[in-house]
Structures are given as structure tokens and as C-alpha cells.
Amino acid sequence: MQQHGTHKRPTHSMRAGADFCVRLPMPDDYVSSTVLALKELNPDYIIPMHCTGTPFHEMAEQEMPGRVRLSSTGTRFVFCG
């Protein structure tokens, strides 16, 4: 992934939904390629929303152990430091 600008800033956390389970579900290779692309960003944490689905969560946890957080309605995340 190409970064633009003169300063490279680290990615602390990513919170998003990808609708992997709503639309088909998506094939494993599609989900896997998304996980690998996110891994290149080297985020401290990834917080997938419910629509991302279990396959993404499992693949992401396997590729980035300890960085994936489970979230649901009302979940609160506090980042310190």
C-alpha cells in the first residue's frame, strides 16, 4: 500500500464494517486478501463491526494475533497512551 505525503503516521486502530456476510457471503480468498491488505498497514488494533462476519474475524486473528477486538452495540473502547 502506498502512503501519500511526507510523513508516515502509524495506524493505531481501525474500526469498520465490510459487509462480507451481508452481500453473499464473500469467498474466503476475497476476505483473506482484505485481511492481508490491512495487515500491511500494521495497525495496533482492528475492530470489525458485526457485518464483517466471523470468517474475517477468524482470519484477522490468525494473521494478527492479539490485535483484533470483538465489538457489538454499546461496546466502548478507551485507548490510552
PDB file of N, CA and C in Angstrom:
ATOM      1  N   MET A   1       0.846  -1.170   0.000  1.00  0.00           N
ATOM      2  CA  MET A   1       0.000   0.000   0.000  1.00  0.00           C
ATOM      3  C   MET A   1       0.892   1.235   0.000  1.00  0.00           C
ATOM      4  N   GLN A   2       0.588   2.180  -0.830  1.00  0.00           N
ATOM      5  CA  GLN A   2       1.368   3.398  -0.938  1.00  0.00           C
ATOM      6  C   GLN A   2       0.829   4.446   0.030  1.00  0.00           C
ATOM      7  N   GLN A   3       1.749   5.089   0.749  1.00  0.00           N
ATOM      8  CA  GLN A   3       1.348   6.179   1.626  1.00  0.00           C
ATOM      9  C   GLN A   3       1.680   7.491   0.949  1.00  0.00           C
ATOM     10  N   HIS A   4       0.781   8.457   1.061  1.00  0.00           N
ATOM     11  CA  HIS A   4       0.972   9.746   0.414  1.00  0.00           C
ATOM     12  C   HIS A   4       1.453  10.774   1.430  1.00  0.00           C
ATOM     13  N   GLY A   5       2.117  11.777   0.962  1.00  0.00           N
ATOM     14  CA  GLY A   5       2.591  12.840   1.835  1.00  0.00           C
ATOM     15  C   GLY A   5       4.005  12.577   2.306  1.00  0.00           C
ATOM     16  N   THR A   6       4.499  13.489   3.113  1.00  0.00           N
ATOM     17  CA  THR A   6       5.883  13.381   3.564  1.00  0.00           C
ATOM     18  C   THR A   6       6.022  12.697   4.910  1.00  0.00           C
ATOM     19  N   HIS A   7       4.943  12.586   5.660  1.00  0.00           N
ATOM     20  CA  HIS A   7       5.006  11.976   6.987  1.00  0.00           C
ATOM     21  C   HIS A   7       4.263  10.642   6.982  1.00  0.00           C
ATOM     22  N   LYS A   8       4.929   9.622   7.500  1.00  0.00           N
ATOM     23  CA  LYS A   8       4.261   8.330   7.656  1.00  0.00           C
ATOM     24  C   LYS A   8       3.784   8.247   9.096  1.00  0.00           C
ATOM     25  N   ARG A   9       2.484   8.169   9.248  1.00  0.00           N
ATOM     26  CA  ARG A   9       1.918   8.073  10.583  1.00  0.00           C
ATOM     27  C   ARG A   9       1.475   6.642  10.833  1.00  0.00           C
ATOM     28  N   PRO A  10       1.730   6.126  12.012  1.00  0.00           N
ATOM     29  CA  PRO A  10       1.292   4.761  12.310  1.00  0.00           C
ATOM     30  C   PRO A  10      -0.236   4.687  12.423  1.00  0.00           C
ATOM     31  N   THR A  11      -0.768   3.534  12.115  1.00  0.00           N
ATOM     32  CA  THR A  11      -2.202   3.298  12.257  1.00  0.00           C
ATOM     33  C   THR A  11      -2.437   2.686  13.623  1.00  0.00           C
ATOM     34  N   HIS A  12      -3.120   3.425  14.480  1.00  0.00           N
ATOM     35  CA  HIS A  12      -3.344   2.921  15.836  1.00  0.00           C
ATOM     36  C   HIS A  12      -4.503   1.926  15.871  1.00  0.00           C
ATOM     37  N   SER A  13      -5.634   2.312  15.316  1.00  0.00           N
ATOM     38  CA  SER A  13      -6.769   1.394  15.322  1.00  0.00           C
ATOM     39  C   SER A  13      -7.635   1.641  14.090  1.00  0.00           C
ATOM     40  N   MET A  14      -8.344   0.578  13.699  1.00  0.00           N
ATOM     41  CA  MET A  14      -9.268   0.652  12.575  1.00  0.00           C
ATOM     42  C   MET A  14     -10.579   0.049  13.029  1.00  0.00           C
ATOM     43  N   ARG A  15     -11.646   0.790  12.836  1.00  0.00           N
ATOM     44  CA  ARG A  15     -12.973   0.292  13.188  1.00  0.00           C
ATOM     45  C   ARG A  15     -13.851   0.463  11.970  1.00  0.00           C
ATOM     46  N   ALA A  16     -14.343  -0.650  11.465  1.00  0.00           N
ATOM     47  CA  ALA A  16     -15.158  -0.572  10.257  1.00  0.00           C
ATOM     48  C   ALA A  16     -15.917  -1.862  10.036  1.00  0.00           C
ATOM     49  N   GLY A  17     -16.902  -1.791   9.192  1.00  0.00           N
ATOM     50  CA  GLY A  17     -17.638  -2.967   8.756  1.00  0.00           C
ATOM     51  C   GLY A  17     -17.463  -3.137   7.264  1.00  0.00           C
ATOM     52  N   ALA A  18     -17.362  -4.355   6.821  1.00  0.00           N
ATOM     53  CA  ALA A  18     -17.098  -4.598   5.407  1.00  0.00           C
ATOM     54  C   ALA A  18     -18.246  -5.306   4.686  1.00  0.00           C
ATOM     55  N   ASP A  19     -19.332  -5.581   5.364  1.00  0.00           N
ATOM     56  CA  ASP A  19     -20.485  -6.254   4.758  1.00  0.00           C
ATOM     57  C   ASP A  19     -20.126  -7.554   4.045  1.00  0.00           C
ATOM     58  N   PHE A  20     -19.148  -8.280   4.573  1.00  0.00           N
ATOM     59  CA  PHE A  20     -18.772  -9.553   3.970  1.00  0.00           C
ATOM     60  C   PHE A  20     -19.876 -10.601   4.118  1.00  0.00           C
ATOM     61  N   CYS A  21     -20.614 -10.563   5.213  1.00  0.00           N
ATOM     62  CA  CYS A  21     -21.626 -11.605   5.420  1.00  0.00           C
ATOM     63  C   CYS A  21     -22.987 -11.203   4.866  1.00  0.00           C
ATOM     64  N   VAL A  22     -23.184  -9.948   4.550  1.00  0.00           N
ATOM     65  CA  VAL A  22     -24.493  -9.481   4.099  1.00  0.00           C
ATOM     66  C   VAL A  22     -24.692  -9.712   2.606  1.00  0.00           C
ATOM     67  N   ARG A  23     -23.665  -9.477   1.832  1.00  0.00           N
ATOM     68  CA  ARG A  23     -23.830  -9.475   0.377  1.00  0.00           C
ATOM     69  C   ARG A  23     -23.847 -10.860  -0.248  1.00  0.00           C
ATOM     70  N   LEU A  24     -23.100 -11.835   0.241  1.00  0.00           N
ATOM     71  CA  LEU A  24     -23.140 -13.149  -0.419  1.00  0.00           C
ATOM     72  C   LEU A  24     -23.263 -14.326   0.552  1.00  0.00           C
ATOM     73  N   PRO A  25     -22.406 -14.760   1.296  1.00  0.00           N
ATOM     74  CA  PRO A  25     -21.145 -14.249   1.833  1.00  0.00           C
ATOM     75  C   PRO A  25     -20.006 -14.272   0.816  1.00  0.00           C
ATOM     76  N   MET A  26     -18.986 -13.490   1.105  1.00  0.00           N
ATOM     77  CA  MET A  26     -17.835 -13.384   0.215  1.00  0.00           C
ATOM     78  C   MET A  26     -16.971 -14.639   0.285  1.00  0.00           C
ATOM     79  N   PRO A  27     -16.324 -14.992  -0.815  1.00  0.00           N
ATOM     80  CA  PRO A  27     -15.424 -16.148  -0.813  1.00  0.00           C
ATOM     81  C   PRO A  27     -14.238 -15.916   0.122  1.00  0.00           C
ATOM     82  N   ASP A  28     -13.704 -16.993   0.669  1.00  0.00           N
ATOM     83  CA  ASP A  28     -12.593 -16.902   1.615  1.00  0.00           C
ATOM     84  C   ASP A  28     -11.393 -16.167   1.034  1.00  0.00           C
ATOM     85  N   ASP A  29     -11.088 -16.369  -0.254  1.00  0.00           N
ATOM     86  CA  ASP A  29      -9.909 -15.705  -0.825  1.00  0.00           C
ATOM     87  C   ASP A  29     -10.099 -14.190  -0.876  1.00  0.00           C
ATOM     88  N   TYR A  30     -11.319 -13.733  -1.056  1.00  0.00           N
ATOM     89  CA  TYR A  30     -11.599 -12.291  -1.054  1.00  0.00           C
ATOM     90  C   TYR A  30     -11.399 -11.721   0.346  1.00  0.00           C
ATOM     91  N   VAL A  31     -11.943 -12.418   1.340  1.00  0.00           N
ATOM     92  CA  VAL A  31     -11.794 -11.981   2.732  1.00  0.00           C
ATOM     93  C   VAL A  31     -10.319 -12.013   3.120  1.00  0.00           C
ATOM     94  N   SER A  32      -9.620 -13.068   2.734  1.00  0.00           N
ATOM     95  CA  SER A  32      -8.201 -13.210   3.054  1.00  0.00           C
ATOM     96  C   SER A  32      -7.368 -12.083   2.449  1.00  0.00           C
ATOM     97  N   SER A  33      -7.652 -11.709   1.215  1.00  0.00           N
ATOM     98  CA  SER A  33      -6.889 -10.625   0.585  1.00  0.00           C
ATOM     99  C   SER A  33      -7.127  -9.301   1.308  1.00  0.00           C
ATOM    100  N   THR A  34      -8.326  -9.103   1.841  1.00  0.00           N
ATOM    101  CA  THR A  34      -8.618  -7.899   2.612  1.00  0.00           C
ATOM    102  C   THR A  34      -7.835  -7.905   3.920  1.00  0.00           C
ATOM    103  N   VAL A  35      -7.803  -9.058   4.578  1.00  0.00           N
ATOM    104  CA  VAL A  35      -7.047  -9.187   5.822  1.00  0.00           C
ATOM    105  C   VAL A  35      -5.564  -8.896   5.580  1.00  0.00           C
ATOM    106  N   LEU A  36      -5.010  -9.441   4.521  1.00  0.00           N
ATOM    107  CA  LEU A  36      -3.589  -9.227   4.229  1.00  0.00           C
ATOM    108  C   LEU A  36      -3.292  -7.764   3.890  1.00  0.00           C
ATOM    109  N   ALA A  37      -4.219  -7.101   3.199  1.00  0.00           N
ATOM    110  CA  ALA A  37      -4.038  -5.681   2.903  1.00  0.00           C
ATOM    111  C   ALA A  37      -4.054  -4.850   4.185  1.00  0.00           C
ATOM    112  N   LEU A  38      -4.956  -5.187   5.095  1.00  0.00           N
ATOM    113  CA  LEU A  38      -4.997  -4.476   6.377  1.00  0.00           C
ATOM    114  C   LEU A  38      -3.750  -4.770   7.206  1.00  0.00           C
ATOM    115  N   LYS A  39      -3.247  -5.981   7.119  1.00  0.00           N
ATOM    116  CA  LYS A  39      -2.036  -6.359   7.859  1.00  0.00           C
ATOM    117  C   LYS A  39      -0.845  -5.499   7.436  1.00  0.00           C
ATOM    118  N   GLU A  40      -0.784  -5.136   6.157  1.00  0.00           N
ATOM    119  CA  GLU A  40       0.297  -4.281   5.658  1.00  0.00           C
ATOM    120  C   GLU A  40       0.311  -2.916   6.340  1.00  0.00           C
ATOM    121  N   LEU A  41      -0.854  -2.445   6.775  1.00  0.00           N
ATOM    122  CA  LEU A  41      -0.928  -1.165   7.481  1.00  0.00           C
ATOM    123  C   LEU A  41      -0.367  -1.266   8.898  1.00  0.00           C
ATOM    124  N   ASN A  42      -0.234  -2.493   9.389  1.00  0.00           N
ATOM    125  CA  ASN A  42       0.329  -2.771  10.714  1.00  0.00           C
ATOM    126  C   ASN A  42      -0.391  -2.003  11.833  1.00  0.00           C
ATOM    127  N   PRO A  43      -1.728  -2.115  11.897  1.00  0.00           N
ATOM    128  CA  PRO A  43      -2.449  -1.396  12.949  1.00  0.00           C
ATOM    129  C   PRO A  43      -2.230  -2.039  14.314  1.00  0.00           C
ATOM    130  N   ASP A  44      -2.324  -1.235  15.355  1.00  0.00           N
ATOM    131  CA  ASP A  44      -2.257  -1.777  16.706  1.00  0.00           C
ATOM    132  C   ASP A  44      -3.491  -2.627  17.001  1.00  0.00           C
ATOM    133  N   TYR A  45      -4.641  -2.159  16.524  1.00  0.00           N
ATOM    134  CA  TYR A  45      -5.900  -2.869  16.750  1.00  0.00           C
ATOM    135  C   TYR A  45      -6.788  -2.797  15.518  1.00  0.00           C
ATOM    136  N   ILE A  46      -7.556  -3.852  15.312  1.00  0.00           N
ATOM    137  CA  ILE A  46      -8.618  -3.872  14.308  1.00  0.00           C
ATOM    138  C   ILE A  46      -9.896  -4.233  15.044  1.00  0.00           C
ATOM    139  N   ILE A  47     -10.929  -3.435  14.814  1.00  0.00           N
ATOM    140  CA  ILE A  47     -12.211  -3.651  15.480  1.00  0.00           C
ATOM    141  C   ILE A  47     -13.275  -3.802  14.401  1.00  0.00           C
ATOM    142  N   PRO A  48     -13.494  -5.040  13.923  1.00  0.00           N
ATOM    143  CA  PRO A  48     -14.504  -5.244  12.881  1.00  0.00           C
ATOM    144  C   PRO A  48     -15.913  -5.153  13.461  1.00  0.00           C
ATOM    145  N   MET A  49     -16.811  -4.558  12.717  1.00  0.00           N
ATOM    146  CA  MET A  49     -18.203  -4.468  13.132  1.00  0.00           C
ATOM    147  C   MET A  49     -18.938  -5.769  12.773  1.00  0.00           C
ATOM    148  N   HIS A  50     -20.158  -5.914  13.227  1.00  0.00           N
ATOM    149  CA  HIS A  50     -20.900  -7.165  13.076  1.00  0.00           C
ATOM    150  C   HIS A  50     -21.052  -7.603  11.619  1.00  0.00           C
ATOM    151  N   CYS A  51     -21.199  -6.669  10.691  1.00  0.00           N
ATOM    152  CA  CYS A  51     -21.450  -7.021   9.297  1.00  0.00           C
ATOM    153  C   CYS A  51     -20.211  -7.586   8.594  1.00  0.00           C
ATOM    154  N   THR A  52     -19.070  -7.501   9.249  1.00  0.00           N
ATOM    155  CA  THR A  52     -17.844  -8.042   8.661  1.00  0.00           C
ATOM    156  C   THR A  52     -17.861  -9.564   8.690  1.00  0.00           C
ATOM    157  N   GLY A  53     -18.459 -10.140   9.682  1.00  0.00           N
ATOM    158  CA  GLY A  53     -18.640 -11.579   9.744  1.00  0.00           C
ATOM    159  C   GLY A  53     -17.532 -12.343  10.457  1.00  0.00           C
ATOM    160  N   THR A  54     -17.874 -13.546  10.854  1.00  0.00           N
ATOM    161  CA  THR A  54     -16.969 -14.417  11.594  1.00  0.00           C
ATOM    162  C   THR A  54     -15.738 -14.830  10.786  1.00  0.00           C
ATOM    163  N   PRO A  55     -15.863 -15.171   9.485  1.00  0.00           N
ATOM    164  CA  PRO A  55     -14.655 -15.562   8.743  1.00  0.00           C
ATOM    165  C   PRO A  55     -13.563 -14.478   8.768  1.00  0.00           C
ATOM    166  N   PHE A  56     -13.952 -13.210   8.603  1.00  0.00           N
ATOM    167  CA  PHE A  56     -12.967 -12.131   8.669  1.00  0.00           C
ATOM    168  C   PHE A  56     -12.315 -12.099  10.045  1.00  0.00           C
ATOM    169  N   HIS A  57     -13.122 -12.147  11.076  1.00  0.00           N
ATOM    170  CA  HIS A  57     -12.596 -12.080  12.448  1.00  0.00           C
ATOM    171  C   HIS A  57     -11.592 -13.202  12.687  1.00  0.00           C
ATOM    172  N   GLU A  58     -11.933 -14.409  12.273  1.00  0.00           N
ATOM    173  CA  GLU A  58     -11.044 -15.555  12.487  1.00  0.00           C
ATOM    174  C   GLU A  58      -9.751 -15.427  11.679  1.00  0.00           C
ATOM    175  N   MET A  59      -9.860 -15.017  10.413  1.00  0.00           N
ATOM    176  CA  MET A  59      -8.658 -14.860   9.581  1.00  0.00           C
ATOM    177  C   MET A  59      -7.768 -13.740  10.095  1.00  0.00           C
ATOM    178  N   ALA A  60      -8.381 -12.631  10.496  1.00  0.00           N
ATOM    179  CA  ALA A  60      -7.613 -11.493  11.001  1.00  0.00           C
ATOM    180  C   ALA A  60      -6.900 -11.869  12.297  1.00  0.00           C
ATOM    181  N   GLU A  61      -7.582 -12.577  13.157  1.00  0.00           N
ATOM    182  CA  GLU A  61      -6.962 -13.003  14.428  1.00  0.00           C
ATOM    183  C   GLU A  61      -5.794 -13.949  14.170  1.00  0.00           C
ATOM    184  N   GLN A  62      -5.916 -14.793  13.170  1.00  0.00           N
ATOM    185  CA  GLN A  62      -4.834 -15.718  12.829  1.00  0.00           C
ATOM    186  C   GLN A  62      -3.621 -14.949  12.277  1.00  0.00           C
ATOM    187  N   GLU A  63      -3.862 -13.941  11.443  1.00  0.00           N
ATOM    188  CA  GLU A  63      -2.776 -13.161  10.831  1.00  0.00           C
ATOM    189  C   GLU A  63      -2.185 -12.117  11.781  1.00  0.00           C
ATOM    190  N   MET A  64      -3.025 -11.593  12.676  1.00  0.00           N
ATOM    191  CA  MET A  64      -2.593 -10.527  13.584  1.00  0.00           C
ATOM    192  C   MET A  64      -3.033 -10.845  15.011  1.00  0.00           C
ATOM    193  N   PRO A  65      -2.453 -11.884  15.614  1.00  0.00           N
ATOM    194  CA  PRO A  65      -2.898 -12.313  16.942  1.00  0.00           C
ATOM    195  C   PRO A  65      -2.835 -11.181  17.981  1.00  0.00           C
ATOM    196  N   GLY A  66      -3.896 -11.083  18.762  1.00  0.00           N
ATOM    197  CA  GLY A  66      -3.940 -10.101  19.833  1.00  0.00           C
ATOM    198  C   GLY A  66      -4.315  -8.696  19.397  1.00  0.00           C
ATOM    199  N   ARG A  67      -4.501  -8.478  18.115  1.00  0.00           N
ATOM    200  CA  ARG A  67      -4.820  -7.134  17.627  1.00  0.00           C
ATOM    201  C   ARG A  67      -6.299  -6.968  17.272  1.00  0.00           C
ATOM    202  N   VAL A  68      -7.019  -8.050  17.158  1.00  0.00           N
ATOM    203  CA  VAL A  68      -8.422  -7.997  16.746  1.00  0.00           C
ATOM    204  C   VAL A  68      -9.307  -7.977  17.991  1.00  0.00           C
ATOM    205  N   ARG A  69     -10.204  -7.019  18.043  1.00  0.00           N
ATOM    206  CA  ARG A  69     -11.111  -6.882  19.177  1.00  0.00           C
ATOM    207  C   ARG A  69     -12.535  -7.115  18.709  1.00  0.00           C
ATOM    208  N   LEU A  70     -13.271  -7.878  19.479  1.00  0.00           N
ATOM    209  CA  LEU A  70     -14.679  -8.130  19.188  1.00  0.00           C
ATOM    210  C   LEU A  70     -15.501  -6.945  19.672  1.00  0.00           C
ATOM    211  N   SER A  71     -16.451  -6.538  18.872  1.00  0.00           N
ATOM    212  CA  SER A  71     -17.262  -5.375  19.200  1.00  0.00           C
ATOM    213  C   SER A  71     -18.727  -5.671  18.939  1.00  0.00           C
ATOM    214  N   SER A  72     -19.586  -5.020  19.686  1.00  0.00           N
ATOM    215  CA  SER A  72     -21.028  -5.111  19.440  1.00  0.00           C
ATOM    216  C   SER A  72     -21.651  -3.787  19.864  1.00  0.00           C
ATOM    217  N   THR A  73     -22.948  -3.672  19.708  1.00  0.00           N
ATOM    218  CA  THR A  73     -23.632  -2.440  20.069  1.00  0.00           C
ATOM    219  C   THR A  73     -23.348  -2.098  21.529  1.00  0.00           C
ATOM    220  N   GLY A  74     -22.923  -0.880  21.753  1.00  0.00           N
ATOM    221  CA  GLY A  74     -22.656  -0.417  23.112  1.00  0.00           C
ATOM    222  C   GLY A  74     -21.237  -0.664  23.597  1.00  0.00           C
ATOM    223  N   THR A  75     -20.409  -1.345  22.811  1.00  0.00           N
ATOM    224  CA  THR A  75     -19.034  -1.582  23.221  1.00  0.00           C
ATOM    225  C   THR A  75     -18.288  -0.248  23.242  1.00  0.00           C
ATOM    226  N   ARG A  76     -17.529  -0.039  24.277  1.00  0.00           N
ATOM    227  CA  ARG A  76     -16.754   1.195  24.412  1.00  0.00           C
ATOM    228  C   ARG A  76     -15.277   0.837  24.457  1.00  0.00           C
ATOM    229  N   PHE A  77     -14.502   1.503  23.650  1.00  0.00           N
ATOM    230  CA  PHE A  77     -13.053   1.297  23.624  1.00  0.00           C
ATOM    231  C   PHE A  77     -12.386   2.576  24.097  1.00  0.00           C
ATOM    232  N   VAL A  78     -11.455   2.439  25.023  1.00  0.00           N
ATOM    233  CA  VAL A  78     -10.691   3.583  25.519  1.00  0.00           C
ATOM    234  C   VAL A  78      -9.227   3.289  25.231  1.00  0.00           C
ATOM    235  N   PHE A  79      -8.598   4.156  24.441  1.00  0.00           N
ATOM    236  CA  PHE A  79      -7.194   4.000  24.111  1.00  0.00           C
ATOM    237  C   PHE A  79      -6.391   5.013  24.906  1.00  0.00           C
ATOM    238  N   CYS A  80      -5.441   4.537  25.644  1.00  0.00           N
ATOM    239  CA  CYS A  80      -4.604   5.411  26.471  1.00  0.00           C
ATOM    240  C   CYS A  80      -3.159   5.342  25.984  1.00  0.00           C
ATOM    241  N   GLY A  81      -2.449   6.406  26.158  1.00  0.00           N
ATOM    242  CA  GLY A  81      -1.025   6.385  25.840  1.00  0.00           C
ATOM    243  C   GLY A  81      -0.753   7.175  24.672  1.00  0.00           C
TER     244      GLY A  81
END
